[in-house]
Amino acid sequence: MTLRSTERLALAHGACVVVALDDPDAALARLLPAEQELARALAPVRRGSYVAGRTALHLALATDAPILSDDRGAPILPAGWVGSISHKGTCAAALVAPAGRGHIGVDLEDAAPPRQNIARRILTPREQASLPDHGGAVTLRFSIKEAIYKAIDPYVRRYVGFTEVELDFTGDAVTVSTALPLAIEATWREHAGYWLTTARAVRRA
């Protein structure tokens, strides 16, 4: 069996498909030749992640066209669509939406404390001061910022530091502040032991 599980979720920023591969090699054989060529050039661990991501994207878009990568490493989607992928090993999430309402991003992270203390690297001083007293909160904020950076990259096309955006939480809602000329939304949920986070960015009027 190629897929261990497949879930389809209707999220605020698009349609999401989350997959877990049972047999990455079998899933690789189901990709299109151009995708297989790219995958086989990768190291084995990275290859499994790539295959999981492309599998999720194909399911989300219901397309039989190859999904290649642009010069920033983001997937090139069919005309009329925007989207994003994230993967943890052989699990992956793909988020897609019709074009015209900005760019979107998705991230998938273990809903557990990070292996290293990354709070000072990814959080502003104010975020650190308001951080709940459990390590999973750091990973959640890391995941949200990763989703945000994927959403804003088509606009800025440069590395964006983690402290260039700041997050404020009110219950389950999160507000994003930034000096960048973009309006940014973000959402989060815990799903099957992961933080599943999404973002959408549009140019400010």
C-alpha atoms as a PDB file:
ATOM      1  CA  MET A   1       0.000   0.000   0.000  1.00  0.00           C
ATOM      2  CA  THR A   2       1.372   3.427  -0.974  1.00  0.00           C
ATOM      3  CA  LEU A   3      -0.584   5.640   1.435  1.00  0.00           C
ATOM      4  CA  ARG A   4      -0.935   4.892   5.132  1.00  0.00           C
ATOM      5  CA  SER A   5      -3.487   7.674   5.518  1.00  0.00           C
ATOM      6  CA  THR A   6      -5.032  10.563   3.602  1.00  0.00           C
ATOM      7  CA  GLU A   7      -7.105  13.341   5.129  1.00  0.00           C
ATOM      8  CA  ARG A   8      -8.819  16.252   3.432  1.00  0.00           C
ATOM      9  CA  LEU A   9      -9.453  19.403   5.461  1.00  0.00           C
ATOM     10  CA  ALA A  10     -11.292  22.608   4.558  1.00  0.00           C
ATOM     11  CA  LEU A  11      -9.181  25.314   6.210  1.00  0.00           C
ATOM     12  CA  ALA A  12      -9.542  29.084   6.353  1.00  0.00           C
ATOM     13  CA  HIS A  13      -6.866  29.647   3.711  1.00  0.00           C
ATOM     14  CA  GLY A  14      -7.634  26.803   1.335  1.00  0.00           C
ATOM     15  CA  ALA A  15      -8.165  23.106   0.822  1.00  0.00           C
ATOM     16  CA  CYS A  16      -5.626  20.960   2.644  1.00  0.00           C
ATOM     17  CA  VAL A  17      -4.600  17.357   2.091  1.00  0.00           C
ATOM     18  CA  VAL A  18      -2.480  15.605   4.729  1.00  0.00           C
ATOM     19  CA  VAL A  19      -0.857  12.312   3.737  1.00  0.00           C
ATOM     20  CA  ALA A  20       1.327   9.722   5.423  1.00  0.00           C
ATOM     21  CA  LEU A  21       3.208   7.390   3.097  1.00  0.00           C
ATOM     22  CA  ASP A  22       3.367   3.698   3.877  1.00  0.00           C
ATOM     23  CA  ASP A  23       5.800   2.966   1.031  1.00  0.00           C
ATOM     24  CA  PRO A  24       7.724   6.002  -0.314  1.00  0.00           C
ATOM     25  CA  ASP A  25       9.307   3.966  -3.123  1.00  0.00           C
ATOM     26  CA  ALA A  26       5.898   2.854  -4.377  1.00  0.00           C
ATOM     27  CA  ALA A  27       4.649   6.442  -4.141  1.00  0.00           C
ATOM     28  CA  LEU A  28       7.700   7.614  -6.110  1.00  0.00           C
ATOM     29  CA  ALA A  29       6.783   5.241  -8.924  1.00  0.00           C
ATOM     30  CA  ARG A  30       3.357   6.901  -9.142  1.00  0.00           C
ATOM     31  CA  LEU A  31       4.813  10.369  -9.743  1.00  0.00           C
ATOM     32  CA  LEU A  32       5.305  11.734 -13.234  1.00  0.00           C
ATOM     33  CA  PRO A  33       8.673  11.166 -14.966  1.00  0.00           C
ATOM     34  CA  ALA A  34       9.915  14.743 -14.475  1.00  0.00           C
ATOM     35  CA  GLU A  35       9.100  14.545 -10.763  1.00  0.00           C
ATOM     36  CA  GLN A  36      10.723  11.135 -10.446  1.00  0.00           C
ATOM     37  CA  GLU A  37      13.904  12.481 -12.007  1.00  0.00           C
ATOM     38  CA  LEU A  38      14.074  15.296  -9.463  1.00  0.00           C
ATOM     39  CA  ALA A  39      13.289  12.954  -6.585  1.00  0.00           C
ATOM     40  CA  ARG A  40      15.986  10.420  -7.486  1.00  0.00           C
ATOM     41  CA  ALA A  41      18.624  13.169  -7.422  1.00  0.00           C
ATOM     42  CA  LEU A  42      17.887  13.756  -3.722  1.00  0.00           C
ATOM     43  CA  ALA A  43      19.326  11.994  -0.684  1.00  0.00           C
ATOM     44  CA  PRO A  44      17.040   9.186   0.569  1.00  0.00           C
ATOM     45  CA  VAL A  45      15.559  11.088   3.539  1.00  0.00           C
ATOM     46  CA  ARG A  46      14.920  14.213   1.476  1.00  0.00           C
ATOM     47  CA  ARG A  47      13.526  12.056  -1.320  1.00  0.00           C
ATOM     48  CA  GLY A  48      10.834  10.604   0.939  1.00  0.00           C
ATOM     49  CA  SER A  49       9.774  14.091   1.995  1.00  0.00           C
ATOM     50  CA  TYR A  50       9.673  15.299  -1.603  1.00  0.00           C
ATOM     51  CA  VAL A  51       7.549  12.335  -2.678  1.00  0.00           C
ATOM     52  CA  ALA A  52       5.144  12.882   0.223  1.00  0.00           C
ATOM     53  CA  GLY A  53       4.774  16.562  -0.656  1.00  0.00           C
ATOM     54  CA  ARG A  54       4.150  15.940  -4.336  1.00  0.00           C
ATOM     55  CA  THR A  55       1.684  13.160  -3.527  1.00  0.00           C
ATOM     56  CA  ALA A  56      -0.278  15.520  -1.287  1.00  0.00           C
ATOM     57  CA  LEU A  57      -0.248  18.269  -3.935  1.00  0.00           C
ATOM     58  CA  HIS A  58      -1.502  15.980  -6.675  1.00  0.00           C
ATOM     59  CA  LEU A  59      -4.360  14.839  -4.450  1.00  0.00           C
ATOM     60  CA  ALA A  60      -5.211  18.423  -3.479  1.00  0.00           C
ATOM     61  CA  LEU A  61      -5.231  19.673  -7.077  1.00  0.00           C
ATOM     62  CA  ALA A  62      -6.481  16.515  -8.806  1.00  0.00           C
ATOM     63  CA  THR A  63      -3.958  17.225 -11.560  1.00  0.00           C
ATOM     64  CA  ASP A  64      -1.983  14.849 -13.737  1.00  0.00           C
ATOM     65  CA  ALA A  65       0.499  17.551 -14.787  1.00  0.00           C
ATOM     66  CA  PRO A  66       4.008  17.521 -13.274  1.00  0.00           C
ATOM     67  CA  ILE A  67       4.504  19.885 -10.330  1.00  0.00           C
ATOM     68  CA  LEU A  68       8.084  21.164 -10.495  1.00  0.00           C
ATOM     69  CA  SER A  69       9.896  23.800  -8.397  1.00  0.00           C
ATOM     70  CA  ASP A  70      10.757  27.441  -9.001  1.00  0.00           C
ATOM     71  CA  ASP A  71      14.071  29.162  -8.300  1.00  0.00           C
ATOM     72  CA  ARG A  72      13.061  29.610  -4.640  1.00  0.00           C
ATOM     73  CA  GLY A  73      12.208  25.935  -4.198  1.00  0.00           C
ATOM     74  CA  ALA A  74       8.444  26.489  -4.081  1.00  0.00           C
ATOM     75  CA  PRO A  75       6.147  24.247  -6.128  1.00  0.00           C
ATOM     76  CA  ILE A  76       4.992  25.608  -9.492  1.00  0.00           C
ATOM     77  CA  LEU A  77       1.245  25.113  -9.497  1.00  0.00           C
ATOM     78  CA  PRO A  78      -1.087  25.069 -12.512  1.00  0.00           C
ATOM     79  CA  ALA A  79      -2.337  28.442 -13.712  1.00  0.00           C
ATOM     80  CA  GLY A  80      -5.124  29.802 -11.536  1.00  0.00           C
ATOM     81  CA  TRP A  81      -3.873  28.263  -8.303  1.00  0.00           C
ATOM     82  CA  VAL A  82      -1.662  29.206  -5.372  1.00  0.00           C
ATOM     83  CA  GLY A  83      -0.382  26.728  -2.835  1.00  0.00           C
ATOM     84  CA  SER A  84       2.229  25.499  -0.429  1.00  0.00           C
ATOM     85  CA  ILE A  85       3.557  22.237   1.007  1.00  0.00           C
ATOM     86  CA  SER A  86       5.207  21.111   4.222  1.00  0.00           C
ATOM     87  CA  HIS A  87       6.594  17.744   5.223  1.00  0.00           C
ATOM     88  CA  LYS A  88       7.876  15.885   8.242  1.00  0.00           C
ATOM     89  CA  GLY A  89       9.564  12.710   7.094  1.00  0.00           C
ATOM     90  CA  THR A  90       7.078  10.773   4.985  1.00  0.00           C
ATOM     91  CA  CYS A  91       4.098  12.838   6.211  1.00  0.00           C
ATOM     92  CA  ALA A  92       3.143  15.949   4.267  1.00  0.00           C
ATOM     93  CA  ALA A  93       0.503  18.649   4.050  1.00  0.00           C
ATOM     94  CA  ALA A  94      -0.480  20.493   0.876  1.00  0.00           C
ATOM     95  CA  LEU A  95      -2.584  23.653   0.914  1.00  0.00           C
ATOM     96  CA  VAL A  96      -4.136  25.018  -2.291  1.00  0.00           C
ATOM     97  CA  ALA A  97      -6.541  27.829  -3.158  1.00  0.00           C
ATOM     98  CA  PRO A  98      -7.722  29.677  -6.271  1.00  0.00           C
ATOM     99  CA  ALA A  99      -5.388  32.532  -7.216  1.00  0.00           C
ATOM    100  CA  GLY A 100      -6.448  36.127  -6.731  1.00  0.00           C
ATOM    101  CA  ARG A 101      -6.629  36.440  -2.933  1.00  0.00           C
ATOM    102  CA  GLY A 102      -2.919  36.618  -2.145  1.00  0.00           C
ATOM    103  CA  HIS A 103      -0.376  33.891  -1.492  1.00  0.00           C
ATOM    104  CA  ILE A 104      -0.664  31.137   1.110  1.00  0.00           C
ATOM    105  CA  GLY A 105       1.637  28.997   3.218  1.00  0.00           C
ATOM    106  CA  VAL A 106       1.336  25.834   5.287  1.00  0.00           C
ATOM    107  CA  ASP A 107       3.558  24.210   7.887  1.00  0.00           C
ATOM    108  CA  LEU A 108       3.535  20.902   9.721  1.00  0.00           C
ATOM    109  CA  GLU A 109       5.533  20.476  12.942  1.00  0.00           C
ATOM    110  CA  ASP A 110       5.527  18.006  15.817  1.00  0.00           C
ATOM    111  CA  ALA A 111       3.280  19.365  18.584  1.00  0.00           C
ATOM    112  CA  ALA A 112       6.043  18.899  21.136  1.00  0.00           C
ATOM    113  CA  PRO A 113       8.872  20.946  22.643  1.00  0.00           C
ATOM    114  CA  PRO A 114      11.769  21.609  20.241  1.00  0.00           C
ATOM    115  CA  ARG A 115      14.924  19.562  20.683  1.00  0.00           C
ATOM    116  CA  GLN A 116      16.923  22.745  21.279  1.00  0.00           C
ATOM    117  CA  ASN A 117      16.008  26.030  22.928  1.00  0.00           C
ATOM    118  CA  ILE A 118      15.131  28.169  19.906  1.00  0.00           C
ATOM    119  CA  ALA A 119      12.941  30.775  21.623  1.00  0.00           C
ATOM    120  CA  ARG A 120      15.512  33.589  21.528  1.00  0.00           C
ATOM    121  CA  ARG A 121      16.250  32.930  17.873  1.00  0.00           C
ATOM    122  CA  ILE A 122      12.664  32.940  16.601  1.00  0.00           C
ATOM    123  CA  LEU A 123      10.757  35.170  19.046  1.00  0.00           C
ATOM    124  CA  THR A 124      10.887  38.903  19.696  1.00  0.00           C
ATOM    125  CA  PRO A 125      11.526  40.017  23.293  1.00  0.00           C
ATOM    126  CA  ARG A 126       7.814  40.780  23.717  1.00  0.00           C
ATOM    127  CA  GLU A 127       6.865  37.333  22.402  1.00  0.00           C
ATOM    128  CA  GLN A 128       9.326  35.720  24.786  1.00  0.00           C
ATOM    129  CA  ALA A 129       7.878  37.659  27.729  1.00  0.00           C
ATOM    130  CA  SER A 130       4.339  36.459  26.951  1.00  0.00           C
ATOM    131  CA  LEU A 131       5.278  32.847  26.170  1.00  0.00           C
ATOM    132  CA  PRO A 132       3.198  30.193  27.962  1.00  0.00           C
ATOM    133  CA  ASP A 133       5.181  27.929  30.254  1.00  0.00           C
ATOM    134  CA  HIS A 134       5.350  24.857  28.031  1.00  0.00           C
ATOM    135  CA  GLY A 135       7.765  23.962  25.251  1.00  0.00           C
ATOM    136  CA  GLY A 136       5.112  23.134  22.685  1.00  0.00           C
ATOM    137  CA  ALA A 137       4.219  26.832  22.587  1.00  0.00           C
ATOM    138  CA  VAL A 138       7.623  27.584  21.077  1.00  0.00           C
ATOM    139  CA  THR A 139       7.156  24.963  18.370  1.00  0.00           C
ATOM    140  CA  LEU A 140       3.703  26.341  17.581  1.00  0.00           C
ATOM    141  CA  ARG A 141       5.100  29.840  17.081  1.00  0.00           C
ATOM    142  CA  PHE A 142       7.921  28.479  14.959  1.00  0.00           C
ATOM    143  CA  SER A 143       5.384  26.647  12.788  1.00  0.00           C
ATOM    144  CA  ILE A 144       3.158  29.693  12.329  1.00  0.00           C
ATOM    145  CA  LYS A 145       6.137  31.809  11.302  1.00  0.00           C
ATOM    146  CA  GLU A 146       7.259  29.131   8.835  1.00  0.00           C
ATOM    147  CA  ALA A 147       3.799  29.186   7.222  1.00  0.00           C
ATOM    148  CA  ILE A 148       3.934  32.983   7.111  1.00  0.00           C
ATOM    149  CA  TYR A 149       7.332  33.026   5.412  1.00  0.00           C
ATOM    150  CA  LYS A 150       6.080  30.691   2.705  1.00  0.00           C
ATOM    151  CA  ALA A 151       3.111  32.993   2.101  1.00  0.00           C
ATOM    152  CA  ILE A 152       5.211  36.162   1.888  1.00  0.00           C
ATOM    153  CA  ASP A 153       8.147  34.801  -0.101  1.00  0.00           C
ATOM    154  CA  PRO A 154       6.510  35.364  -3.535  1.00  0.00           C
ATOM    155  CA  TYR A 155       6.320  39.066  -2.611  1.00  0.00           C
ATOM    156  CA  VAL A 156       9.661  39.700  -0.914  1.00  0.00           C
ATOM    157  CA  ARG A 157      11.836  36.993  -2.546  1.00  0.00           C
ATOM    158  CA  ARG A 158      14.461  37.170   0.165  1.00  0.00           C
ATOM    159  CA  TYR A 159      15.302  35.602   3.504  1.00  0.00           C
ATOM    160  CA  VAL A 160      13.008  37.006   6.196  1.00  0.00           C
ATOM    161  CA  GLY A 161      14.209  36.868   9.793  1.00  0.00           C
ATOM    162  CA  PHE A 162      11.979  35.216  12.371  1.00  0.00           C
ATOM    163  CA  THR A 163      11.642  38.457  14.322  1.00  0.00           C
ATOM    164  CA  GLU A 164      10.375  40.427  11.299  1.00  0.00           C
ATOM    165  CA  VAL A 165       6.890  39.237  12.217  1.00  0.00           C
ATOM    166  CA  GLU A 166       5.356  39.200  15.682  1.00  0.00           C
ATOM    167  CA  LEU A 167       2.489  37.050  16.924  1.00  0.00           C
ATOM    168  CA  ASP A 168      -0.188  37.862  19.498  1.00  0.00           C
ATOM    169  CA  PHE A 169      -2.550  35.154  20.731  1.00  0.00           C
ATOM    170  CA  THR A 170      -6.096  35.580  21.991  1.00  0.00           C
ATOM    171  CA  GLY A 171      -7.445  32.121  22.680  1.00  0.00           C
ATOM    172  CA  ASP A 172      -7.231  30.187  19.432  1.00  0.00           C
ATOM    173  CA  ALA A 173      -6.855  33.344  17.318  1.00  0.00           C
ATOM    174  CA  VAL A 174      -3.503  34.818  16.341  1.00  0.00           C
ATOM    175  CA  THR A 175      -2.754  38.343  15.119  1.00  0.00           C
ATOM    176  CA  VAL A 176       0.307  39.019  12.961  1.00  0.00           C
ATOM    177  CA  SER A 177       2.211  42.317  13.139  1.00  0.00           C
ATOM    178  CA  THR A 178       4.997  43.286  10.740  1.00  0.00           C
ATOM    179  CA  ALA A 179       6.681  46.311   9.173  1.00  0.00           C
ATOM    180  CA  LEU A 180       6.534  44.558   5.793  1.00  0.00           C
ATOM    181  CA  PRO A 181       4.035  46.107   3.321  1.00  0.00           C
ATOM    182  CA  LEU A 182       1.765  43.081   3.637  1.00  0.00           C
ATOM    183  CA  ALA A 183      -1.420  42.173   5.472  1.00  0.00           C
ATOM    184  CA  ILE A 184      -0.947  38.712   6.960  1.00  0.00           C
ATOM    185  CA  GLU A 185      -3.412  36.256   8.475  1.00  0.00           C
ATOM    186  CA  ALA A 186      -2.495  33.038  10.257  1.00  0.00           C
ATOM    187  CA  THR A 187      -4.352  30.052  11.726  1.00  0.00           C
ATOM    188  CA  TRP A 188      -3.353  27.004  13.709  1.00  0.00           C
ATOM    189  CA  ARG A 189      -4.722  23.722  14.968  1.00  0.00           C
ATOM    190  CA  GLU A 190      -3.390  20.538  16.519  1.00  0.00           C
ATOM    191  CA  HIS A 191      -3.905  17.642  14.136  1.00  0.00           C
ATOM    192  CA  ALA A 192      -2.826  14.040  14.701  1.00  0.00           C
ATOM    193  CA  GLY A 193       0.090  15.028  16.921  1.00  0.00           C
ATOM    194  CA  TYR A 194       1.231  17.896  14.693  1.00  0.00           C
ATOM    195  CA  TRP A 195       0.829  21.633  14.665  1.00  0.00           C
ATOM    196  CA  LEU A 196      -0.875  22.346  11.339  1.00  0.00           C
ATOM    197  CA  THR A 197      -0.549  26.055  10.584  1.00  0.00           C
ATOM    198  CA  THR A 198      -1.551  28.194   7.620  1.00  0.00           C
ATOM    199  CA  ALA A 199      -1.075  31.789   6.509  1.00  0.00           C
ATOM    200  CA  ARG A 200      -2.240  34.139   3.798  1.00  0.00           C
ATOM    201  CA  ALA A 201      -0.502  37.359   2.725  1.00  0.00           C
ATOM    202  CA  VAL A 202      -1.757  40.173   0.508  1.00  0.00           C
ATOM    203  CA  ARG A 203      -0.245  43.514  -0.415  1.00  0.00           C
ATOM    204  CA  ARG A 204      -1.470  46.408   1.676  1.00  0.00           C
ATOM    205  CA  ALA A 205      -3.516  48.963  -0.256  1.00  0.00           C
END
